């Protein structure tokens, strides 16, 4: 990734207030095409508020959002999706008893005319679903397989493949590995790597340093609504990143009180 490349998304001095509560206090983050930018922090750090501001759920109280170099104001998530910013939340927005292909095209149903009627085009949907899942390394039994029979990692991959297929330029992933086992986590991280290599910018929200270091190109740590720092791959070790997340001196003091067992 060239350093002179213009970021696809720039969040400049973002503040978000909920009454007297300051959830974000001047956060600035740049996201580049073809990059996995990891946003780390413990619970309450401001990660959820930040991604909801980037994706149009919240309007910033102050600050600027630039998309492809132009200032943008998203009135709702649909505006962000139309621009090319897609978010995959932990609940995945899927119906377990519905087929993989119906979930894949939910909200973007392909229709074909049959006489006076327009019906769901199963043949087209099934073919595209199988092709897109194969690109991500997932071999389904068939497109009619209920999505609820897939593993957690496979469902994450369906949601990611769906967002990319429908034009995401920026893909925000909200803790995609938090409830997964080792093998499923590896599958999701592999999917993130495949997506990044297509030129899509990935914003990976996580509290797991190991998962971030596996695929991240750039790392930003949030703490209590503020940016503690941003580093590129090779500029920071996993231990330093963990220390930054834990609050530095607070962790050192805790290690002392517990006899160095932290």
C-alpha atoms as a PDB file:
ATOM      1  CA  UNK A   1       0.000   0.000   0.000  1.00  0.00           C
ATOM      2  CA  UNK A   2       1.493   3.296  -1.089  1.00  0.00           C
ATOM      3  CA  UNK A   3       1.763   5.917   1.593  1.00  0.00           C
ATOM      4  CA  UNK A   4       0.675   8.599  -0.896  1.00  0.00           C
ATOM      5  CA  UNK A   5      -2.598   6.790  -1.573  1.00  0.00           C
ATOM      6  CA  UNK A   6      -5.632   8.829  -0.570  1.00  0.00           C
ATOM      7  CA  UNK A   7      -7.617   7.250   2.279  1.00  0.00           C
ATOM      8  CA  UNK A   8     -11.042   6.054   1.231  1.00  0.00           C
ATOM      9  CA  UNK A   9     -12.461   7.125   4.615  1.00  0.00           C
ATOM     10  CA  UNK A  10     -11.163   9.865   6.880  1.00  0.00           C
ATOM     11  CA  UNK A  11     -12.735  10.436  10.290  1.00  0.00           C
ATOM     12  CA  UNK A  12     -11.438  13.790  11.512  1.00  0.00           C
ATOM     13  CA  UNK A  13     -11.848  14.942  15.106  1.00  0.00           C
ATOM     14  CA  UNK A  14     -15.043  12.959  15.622  1.00  0.00           C
ATOM     15  CA  UNK A  15     -16.980  13.803  18.767  1.00  0.00           C
ATOM     16  CA  UNK A  16     -20.251  12.200  19.801  1.00  0.00           C
ATOM     17  CA  UNK A  17     -22.249  13.407  22.771  1.00  0.00           C
ATOM     18  CA  UNK A  18     -25.326  11.733  24.243  1.00  0.00           C
ATOM     19  CA  UNK A  19     -26.597  14.498  26.478  1.00  0.00           C
ATOM     20  CA  UNK A  20     -23.870  15.083  29.068  1.00  0.00           C
ATOM     21  CA  UNK A  21     -22.115  11.814  28.194  1.00  0.00           C
ATOM     22  CA  UNK A  22     -19.161  12.168  25.817  1.00  0.00           C
ATOM     23  CA  UNK A  23     -18.832   8.856  23.973  1.00  0.00           C
ATOM     24  CA  UNK A  24     -16.184  10.059  21.507  1.00  0.00           C
ATOM     25  CA  UNK A  25     -13.814  12.921  22.235  1.00  0.00           C
ATOM     26  CA  UNK A  26     -12.033  13.916  19.034  1.00  0.00           C
ATOM     27  CA  UNK A  27     -11.214  10.573  17.372  1.00  0.00           C
ATOM     28  CA  UNK A  28      -9.349  10.682  14.039  1.00  0.00           C
ATOM     29  CA  UNK A  29      -8.827   7.574  11.880  1.00  0.00           C
ATOM     30  CA  UNK A  30      -7.821   7.088   8.230  1.00  0.00           C
ATOM     31  CA  UNK A  31      -8.754   3.926   6.317  1.00  0.00           C
ATOM     32  CA  UNK A  32      -7.044   3.013   3.035  1.00  0.00           C
ATOM     33  CA  UNK A  33      -8.225   0.787   0.165  1.00  0.00           C
ATOM     34  CA  UNK A  34      -6.908  -2.760   0.402  1.00  0.00           C
ATOM     35  CA  UNK A  35      -6.021  -2.283   4.075  1.00  0.00           C
ATOM     36  CA  UNK A  36      -7.224  -4.042   7.194  1.00  0.00           C
ATOM     37  CA  UNK A  37      -7.389  -1.326   9.844  1.00  0.00           C
ATOM     38  CA  UNK A  38      -7.924  -2.841  13.284  1.00  0.00           C
ATOM     39  CA  UNK A  39      -9.771  -0.789  15.882  1.00  0.00           C
ATOM     40  CA  UNK A  40      -9.029  -2.129  19.355  1.00  0.00           C
ATOM     41  CA  UNK A  41     -10.233  -1.358  22.832  1.00  0.00           C
ATOM     42  CA  UNK A  42     -11.943  -2.857  25.851  1.00  0.00           C
ATOM     43  CA  UNK A  43     -15.660  -2.577  26.554  1.00  0.00           C
ATOM     44  CA  UNK A  44     -16.663   1.067  26.898  1.00  0.00           C
ATOM     45  CA  UNK A  45     -13.727   2.304  24.816  1.00  0.00           C
ATOM     46  CA  UNK A  46     -16.028   3.846  22.207  1.00  0.00           C
ATOM     47  CA  UNK A  47     -15.620   1.271  19.423  1.00  0.00           C
ATOM     48  CA  UNK A  48     -19.344   0.704  18.880  1.00  0.00           C
ATOM     49  CA  UNK A  49     -20.149   4.415  18.851  1.00  0.00           C
ATOM     50  CA  UNK A  50     -17.320   5.040  16.408  1.00  0.00           C
ATOM     51  CA  UNK A  51     -18.408   2.432  13.871  1.00  0.00           C
ATOM     52  CA  UNK A  52     -22.043   3.496  14.173  1.00  0.00           C
ATOM     53  CA  UNK A  53     -20.927   7.040  13.361  1.00  0.00           C
ATOM     54  CA  UNK A  54     -18.894   5.837  10.368  1.00  0.00           C
ATOM     55  CA  UNK A  55     -21.814   3.743   9.113  1.00  0.00           C
ATOM     56  CA  UNK A  56     -24.541   6.381   9.422  1.00  0.00           C
ATOM     57  CA  UNK A  57     -26.353   5.141  12.534  1.00  0.00           C
ATOM     58  CA  UNK A  58     -25.210   8.203  14.533  1.00  0.00           C
ATOM     59  CA  UNK A  59     -24.448  11.706  13.315  1.00  0.00           C
ATOM     60  CA  UNK A  60     -21.270  13.152  14.843  1.00  0.00           C
ATOM     61  CA  UNK A  61     -21.708  16.038  17.259  1.00  0.00           C
ATOM     62  CA  UNK A  62     -18.515  17.540  15.833  1.00  0.00           C
ATOM     63  CA  UNK A  63     -15.943  16.531  13.277  1.00  0.00           C
ATOM     64  CA  UNK A  64     -15.801  15.573   9.622  1.00  0.00           C
ATOM     65  CA  UNK A  65     -16.308  12.371   7.663  1.00  0.00           C
ATOM     66  CA  UNK A  66     -14.593  12.299   4.270  1.00  0.00           C
ATOM     67  CA  UNK A  67     -15.333   9.524   1.800  1.00  0.00           C
ATOM     68  CA  UNK A  68     -13.076   9.285  -1.256  1.00  0.00           C
ATOM     69  CA  UNK A  69     -11.838  12.788  -0.457  1.00  0.00           C
ATOM     70  CA  UNK A  70     -15.271  14.464  -0.266  1.00  0.00           C
ATOM     71  CA  UNK A  71     -17.041  15.479   2.925  1.00  0.00           C
ATOM     72  CA  UNK A  72     -20.072  13.296   3.557  1.00  0.00           C
ATOM     73  CA  UNK A  73     -23.085  13.548   5.833  1.00  0.00           C
ATOM     74  CA  UNK A  74     -24.971  10.294   6.264  1.00  0.00           C
ATOM     75  CA  UNK A  75     -28.579  10.699   7.382  1.00  0.00           C
ATOM     76  CA  UNK A  76     -28.987   6.975   7.991  1.00  0.00           C
ATOM     77  CA  UNK A  77     -27.238   3.631   7.349  1.00  0.00           C
ATOM     78  CA  UNK A  78     -28.815   3.394   3.893  1.00  0.00           C
ATOM     79  CA  UNK A  79     -26.858   6.490   2.820  1.00  0.00           C
ATOM     80  CA  UNK A  80     -23.623   4.864   3.989  1.00  0.00           C
ATOM     81  CA  UNK A  81     -24.457   1.584   2.225  1.00  0.00           C
ATOM     82  CA  UNK A  82     -25.250   3.445  -0.990  1.00  0.00           C
ATOM     83  CA  UNK A  83     -21.871   5.192  -0.771  1.00  0.00           C
ATOM     84  CA  UNK A  84     -20.146   1.831  -0.270  1.00  0.00           C
ATOM     85  CA  UNK A  85     -19.762   1.462   3.511  1.00  0.00           C
ATOM     86  CA  UNK A  86     -21.210  -1.841   4.735  1.00  0.00           C
ATOM     87  CA  UNK A  87     -21.281  -3.115   8.309  1.00  0.00           C
ATOM     88  CA  UNK A  88     -21.473  -6.732   9.453  1.00  0.00           C
ATOM     89  CA  UNK A  89     -22.692  -6.775  13.056  1.00  0.00           C
ATOM     90  CA  UNK A  90     -22.403  -9.688  15.458  1.00  0.00           C
ATOM     91  CA  UNK A  91     -26.057 -10.711  14.980  1.00  0.00           C
ATOM     92  CA  UNK A  92     -25.411 -10.989  11.186  1.00  0.00           C
ATOM     93  CA  UNK A  93     -29.051 -10.103  10.292  1.00  0.00           C
ATOM     94  CA  UNK A  94     -29.829 -13.609   9.025  1.00  0.00           C
ATOM     95  CA  UNK A  95     -32.857 -15.908   9.292  1.00  0.00           C
ATOM     96  CA  UNK A  96     -31.607 -19.339  10.440  1.00  0.00           C
ATOM     97  CA  UNK A  97     -34.349 -21.428   8.784  1.00  0.00           C
ATOM     98  CA  UNK A  98     -34.007 -19.639   5.454  1.00  0.00           C
ATOM     99  CA  UNK A  99     -31.633 -20.954   2.779  1.00  0.00           C
ATOM    100  CA  UNK A 100     -28.149 -19.556   2.315  1.00  0.00           C
ATOM    101  CA  UNK A 101     -29.092 -18.124  -1.094  1.00  0.00           C
ATOM    102  CA  UNK A 102     -32.232 -16.400   0.253  1.00  0.00           C
ATOM    103  CA  UNK A 103     -30.189 -14.911   3.106  1.00  0.00           C
ATOM    104  CA  UNK A 104     -27.469 -13.876   0.660  1.00  0.00           C
ATOM    105  CA  UNK A 105     -29.949 -11.902  -1.462  1.00  0.00           C
ATOM    106  CA  UNK A 106     -32.210 -10.706   1.361  1.00  0.00           C
ATOM    107  CA  UNK A 107     -33.126  -7.107   0.553  1.00  0.00           C
ATOM    108  CA  UNK A 108     -31.624  -7.410  -2.938  1.00  0.00           C
ATOM    109  CA  UNK A 109     -33.866 -10.133  -4.355  1.00  0.00           C
ATOM    110  CA  UNK A 110     -33.282 -10.971  -8.037  1.00  0.00           C
ATOM    111  CA  UNK A 111     -36.616 -11.220  -9.860  1.00  0.00           C
ATOM    112  CA  UNK A 112     -37.665 -12.849 -13.102  1.00  0.00           C
ATOM    113  CA  UNK A 113     -40.913 -12.385 -14.969  1.00  0.00           C
ATOM    114  CA  UNK A 114     -43.196 -15.405 -15.197  1.00  0.00           C
ATOM    115  CA  UNK A 115     -46.251 -14.345 -17.146  1.00  0.00           C
ATOM    116  CA  UNK A 116     -47.764 -11.344 -15.350  1.00  0.00           C
ATOM    117  CA  UNK A 117     -45.784 -12.066 -12.158  1.00  0.00           C
ATOM    118  CA  UNK A 118     -42.293 -11.257 -10.950  1.00  0.00           C
ATOM    119  CA  UNK A 119     -40.864 -14.106  -8.892  1.00  0.00           C
ATOM    120  CA  UNK A 120     -37.649 -14.723  -7.002  1.00  0.00           C
ATOM    121  CA  UNK A 121     -35.053 -16.005  -9.472  1.00  0.00           C
ATOM    122  CA  UNK A 122     -33.841 -19.103  -7.615  1.00  0.00           C
ATOM    123  CA  UNK A 123     -31.557 -20.284 -10.414  1.00  0.00           C
ATOM    124  CA  UNK A 124     -29.651 -16.994 -10.581  1.00  0.00           C
ATOM    125  CA  UNK A 125     -29.495 -16.623  -6.781  1.00  0.00           C
ATOM    126  CA  UNK A 126     -28.282 -20.182  -6.270  1.00  0.00           C
ATOM    127  CA  UNK A 127     -25.567 -19.885  -8.908  1.00  0.00           C
ATOM    128  CA  UNK A 128     -24.221 -16.569  -7.612  1.00  0.00           C
ATOM    129  CA  UNK A 129     -24.301 -17.704  -3.981  1.00  0.00           C
ATOM    130  CA  UNK A 130     -22.309 -20.843  -4.729  1.00  0.00           C
ATOM    131  CA  UNK A 131     -19.773 -18.861  -6.793  1.00  0.00           C
ATOM    132  CA  UNK A 132     -19.283 -16.177  -4.147  1.00  0.00           C
ATOM    133  CA  UNK A 133     -18.954 -18.646  -1.298  1.00  0.00           C
ATOM    134  CA  UNK A 134     -16.429 -20.698  -3.259  1.00  0.00           C
ATOM    135  CA  UNK A 135     -14.332 -17.536  -3.733  1.00  0.00           C
ATOM    136  CA  UNK A 136     -14.220 -17.255   0.053  1.00  0.00           C
ATOM    137  CA  UNK A 137     -13.165 -20.879   0.475  1.00  0.00           C
ATOM    138  CA  UNK A 138     -16.529 -22.190   1.700  1.00  0.00           C
ATOM    139  CA  UNK A 139     -17.940 -25.259  -0.054  1.00  0.00           C
ATOM    140  CA  UNK A 140     -21.647 -25.504   0.715  1.00  0.00           C
ATOM    141  CA  UNK A 141     -23.636 -28.721   0.424  1.00  0.00           C
ATOM    142  CA  UNK A 142     -25.938 -26.625  -1.726  1.00  0.00           C
ATOM    143  CA  UNK A 143     -27.474 -23.130  -1.916  1.00  0.00           C
ATOM    144  CA  UNK A 144     -30.727 -24.421  -0.383  1.00  0.00           C
ATOM    145  CA  UNK A 145     -28.911 -25.412   2.814  1.00  0.00           C
ATOM    146  CA  UNK A 146     -30.454 -23.612   5.803  1.00  0.00           C
ATOM    147  CA  UNK A 147     -28.091 -20.925   7.015  1.00  0.00           C
ATOM    148  CA  UNK A 148     -28.695 -22.080  10.587  1.00  0.00           C
ATOM    149  CA  UNK A 149     -26.893 -25.351   9.822  1.00  0.00           C
ATOM    150  CA  UNK A 150     -23.656 -23.515   9.054  1.00  0.00           C
ATOM    151  CA  UNK A 151     -20.954 -22.957  11.642  1.00  0.00           C
ATOM    152  CA  UNK A 152     -20.548 -19.508  13.184  1.00  0.00           C
ATOM    153  CA  UNK A 153     -17.496 -18.847  11.025  1.00  0.00           C
ATOM    154  CA  UNK A 154     -19.319 -19.905   7.872  1.00  0.00           C
ATOM    155  CA  UNK A 155     -22.240 -17.596   8.673  1.00  0.00           C
ATOM    156  CA  UNK A 156     -19.775 -14.741   9.169  1.00  0.00           C
ATOM    157  CA  UNK A 157     -18.310 -15.552   5.764  1.00  0.00           C
ATOM    158  CA  UNK A 158     -21.772 -15.502   4.149  1.00  0.00           C
ATOM    159  CA  UNK A 159     -22.392 -12.040   5.609  1.00  0.00           C
ATOM    160  CA  UNK A 160     -18.978 -10.772   4.468  1.00  0.00           C
ATOM    161  CA  UNK A 161     -19.335 -12.239   0.971  1.00  0.00           C
ATOM    162  CA  UNK A 162     -22.812 -10.715   0.702  1.00  0.00           C
ATOM    163  CA  UNK A 163     -21.552  -7.234   1.583  1.00  0.00           C
ATOM    164  CA  UNK A 164     -18.656  -7.442  -0.884  1.00  0.00           C
ATOM    165  CA  UNK A 165     -20.850  -8.796  -3.695  1.00  0.00           C
ATOM    166  CA  UNK A 166     -23.239  -5.876  -3.337  1.00  0.00           C
ATOM    167  CA  UNK A 167     -20.532  -3.271  -3.749  1.00  0.00           C
ATOM    168  CA  UNK A 168     -18.907  -2.589  -0.397  1.00  0.00           C
ATOM    169  CA  UNK A 169     -15.799  -0.427  -0.739  1.00  0.00           C
ATOM    170  CA  UNK A 170     -15.397  -0.288   3.031  1.00  0.00           C
ATOM    171  CA  UNK A 171     -16.342  -3.298   5.139  1.00  0.00           C
ATOM    172  CA  UNK A 172     -16.790  -2.783   8.886  1.00  0.00           C
ATOM    173  CA  UNK A 173     -16.661  -6.000  10.920  1.00  0.00           C
ATOM    174  CA  UNK A 174     -17.960  -5.769  14.477  1.00  0.00           C
ATOM    175  CA  UNK A 175     -16.141  -8.345  16.640  1.00  0.00           C
ATOM    176  CA  UNK A 176     -16.511 -11.126  14.020  1.00  0.00           C
ATOM    177  CA  UNK A 177     -14.338 -13.612  15.940  1.00  0.00           C
ATOM    178  CA  UNK A 178     -15.538 -12.943  19.487  1.00  0.00           C
ATOM    179  CA  UNK A 179     -17.724 -16.052  19.864  1.00  0.00           C
ATOM    180  CA  UNK A 180     -15.850 -18.463  17.586  1.00  0.00           C
ATOM    181  CA  UNK A 181     -13.575 -21.430  18.183  1.00  0.00           C
ATOM    182  CA  UNK A 182     -10.024 -21.647  16.871  1.00  0.00           C
ATOM    183  CA  UNK A 183     -10.819 -23.253  13.514  1.00  0.00           C
ATOM    184  CA  UNK A 184     -13.783 -20.981  12.808  1.00  0.00           C
ATOM    185  CA  UNK A 185     -11.715 -17.933  13.782  1.00  0.00           C
ATOM    186  CA  UNK A 186      -9.020 -19.010  11.326  1.00  0.00           C
ATOM    187  CA  UNK A 187     -11.651 -19.243   8.573  1.00  0.00           C
ATOM    188  CA  UNK A 188     -12.928 -15.732   9.269  1.00  0.00           C
ATOM    189  CA  UNK A 189      -9.415 -14.267   9.388  1.00  0.00           C
ATOM    190  CA  UNK A 190      -8.675 -15.994   6.072  1.00  0.00           C
ATOM    191  CA  UNK A 191     -11.835 -14.410   4.621  1.00  0.00           C
ATOM    192  CA  UNK A 192     -10.735 -10.971   5.821  1.00  0.00           C
ATOM    193  CA  UNK A 193      -7.397 -11.495   4.094  1.00  0.00           C
ATOM    194  CA  UNK A 194      -9.123 -12.474   0.823  1.00  0.00           C
ATOM    195  CA  UNK A 195     -11.385  -9.402   0.962  1.00  0.00           C
ATOM    196  CA  UNK A 196      -8.483  -7.055   1.654  1.00  0.00           C
ATOM    197  CA  UNK A 197      -6.599  -8.424  -1.350  1.00  0.00           C
ATOM    198  CA  UNK A 198      -9.512  -7.455  -3.641  1.00  0.00           C
ATOM    199  CA  UNK A 199      -8.922  -3.786  -2.741  1.00  0.00           C
ATOM    200  CA  UNK A 200     -11.770  -3.453  -0.248  1.00  0.00           C
ATOM    201  CA  UNK A 201     -10.905  -1.532   2.920  1.00  0.00           C
ATOM    202  CA  UNK A 202     -11.643  -3.552   6.057  1.00  0.00           C
ATOM    203  CA  UNK A 203     -12.255  -2.006   9.480  1.00  0.00           C
ATOM    204  CA  UNK A 204     -11.846  -4.866  11.946  1.00  0.00           C
ATOM    205  CA  UNK A 205     -13.285  -4.139  15.395  1.00  0.00           C
ATOM    206  CA  UNK A 206     -11.824  -6.432  18.043  1.00  0.00           C
ATOM    207  CA  UNK A 207     -10.491  -6.654  21.566  1.00  0.00           C
ATOM    208  CA  UNK A 208      -8.270  -9.613  20.658  1.00  0.00           C
ATOM    209  CA  UNK A 209      -4.705  -8.542  19.920  1.00  0.00           C
ATOM    210  CA  UNK A 210      -3.710 -11.920  18.419  1.00  0.00           C
ATOM    211  CA  UNK A 211      -6.550 -11.801  15.908  1.00  0.00           C
ATOM    212  CA  UNK A 212      -5.712  -8.195  15.023  1.00  0.00           C
ATOM    213  CA  UNK A 213      -2.026  -8.938  14.517  1.00  0.00           C
ATOM    214  CA  UNK A 214      -2.859 -11.901  12.250  1.00  0.00           C
ATOM    215  CA  UNK A 215      -4.459  -9.738   9.535  1.00  0.00           C
ATOM    216  CA  UNK A 216      -3.991  -6.084  10.463  1.00  0.00           C
ATOM    217  CA  UNK A 217      -2.042  -3.543   8.427  1.00  0.00           C
ATOM    218  CA  UNK A 218      -2.729  -0.659  10.799  1.00  0.00           C
ATOM    219  CA  UNK A 219      -3.864  -0.578  14.433  1.00  0.00           C
ATOM    220  CA  UNK A 220      -5.731   2.127  16.334  1.00  0.00           C
ATOM    221  CA  UNK A 221      -6.459   1.826  20.054  1.00  0.00           C
ATOM    222  CA  UNK A 222      -9.414   3.573  21.666  1.00  0.00           C
ATOM    223  CA  UNK A 223      -9.813   4.175  25.376  1.00  0.00           C
ATOM    224  CA  UNK A 224     -12.747   6.038  26.935  1.00  0.00           C
ATOM    225  CA  UNK A 225     -13.644   7.714  23.663  1.00  0.00           C
ATOM    226  CA  UNK A 226     -10.130   8.894  22.828  1.00  0.00           C
ATOM    227  CA  UNK A 227      -7.446   7.640  20.454  1.00  0.00           C
ATOM    228  CA  UNK A 228      -4.410   6.359  22.346  1.00  0.00           C
ATOM    229  CA  UNK A 229      -2.413   5.909  19.171  1.00  0.00           C
ATOM    230  CA  UNK A 230      -2.166   4.399  15.684  1.00  0.00           C
ATOM    231  CA  UNK A 231       0.652   2.189  14.424  1.00  0.00           C
ATOM    232  CA  UNK A 232       1.392   0.306  11.225  1.00  0.00           C
ATOM    233  CA  UNK A 233       2.399  -3.333  11.035  1.00  0.00           C
ATOM    234  CA  UNK A 234       6.051  -3.638  12.004  1.00  0.00           C
ATOM    235  CA  UNK A 235       5.953  -0.525  14.188  1.00  0.00           C
ATOM    236  CA  UNK A 236       4.437  -2.209  17.236  1.00  0.00           C
ATOM    237  CA  UNK A 237       4.696  -5.609  18.899  1.00  0.00           C
ATOM    238  CA  UNK A 238       1.734  -7.610  20.211  1.00  0.00           C
ATOM    239  CA  UNK A 239       2.943  -6.949  23.744  1.00  0.00           C
ATOM    240  CA  UNK A 240       3.089  -3.201  23.162  1.00  0.00           C
ATOM    241  CA  UNK A 241      -0.373  -3.236  21.593  1.00  0.00           C
ATOM    242  CA  UNK A 242      -1.769  -5.206  24.522  1.00  0.00           C
ATOM    243  CA  UNK A 243      -0.099  -2.828  26.951  1.00  0.00           C
ATOM    244  CA  UNK A 244      -1.608   0.178  25.161  1.00  0.00           C
ATOM    245  CA  UNK A 245      -5.067  -1.395  25.314  1.00  0.00           C
ATOM    246  CA  UNK A 246      -4.687  -2.231  29.005  1.00  0.00           C
ATOM    247  CA  UNK A 247      -3.720   1.302  29.927  1.00  0.00           C
ATOM    248  CA  UNK A 248       0.045   1.050  30.252  1.00  0.00           C
ATOM    249  CA  UNK A 249       0.882   2.175  33.762  1.00  0.00           C
ATOM    250  CA  UNK A 250      -2.334   0.706  35.173  1.00  0.00           C
ATOM    251  CA  UNK A 251      -1.238  -2.742  33.966  1.00  0.00           C
ATOM    252  CA  UNK A 252       2.267  -2.321  35.398  1.00  0.00           C
ATOM    253  CA  UNK A 253       0.809  -1.368  38.768  1.00  0.00           C
ATOM    254  CA  UNK A 254      -1.530  -4.371  38.700  1.00  0.00           C
ATOM    255  CA  UNK A 255       1.333  -6.720  37.823  1.00  0.00           C
ATOM    256  CA  UNK A 256       3.219  -5.412  40.853  1.00  0.00           C
ATOM    257  CA  UNK A 257       0.304  -5.974  43.203  1.00  0.00           C
ATOM    258  CA  UNK A 258      -0.288  -9.507  41.864  1.00  0.00           C
ATOM    259  CA  UNK A 259       3.353 -10.547  41.846  1.00  0.00           C
ATOM    260  CA  UNK A 260       3.886 -10.232  38.092  1.00  0.00           C
ATOM    261  CA  UNK A 261       1.127 -12.645  37.100  1.00  0.00           C
ATOM    262  CA  UNK A 262      -0.808 -10.427  34.687  1.00  0.00           C
END
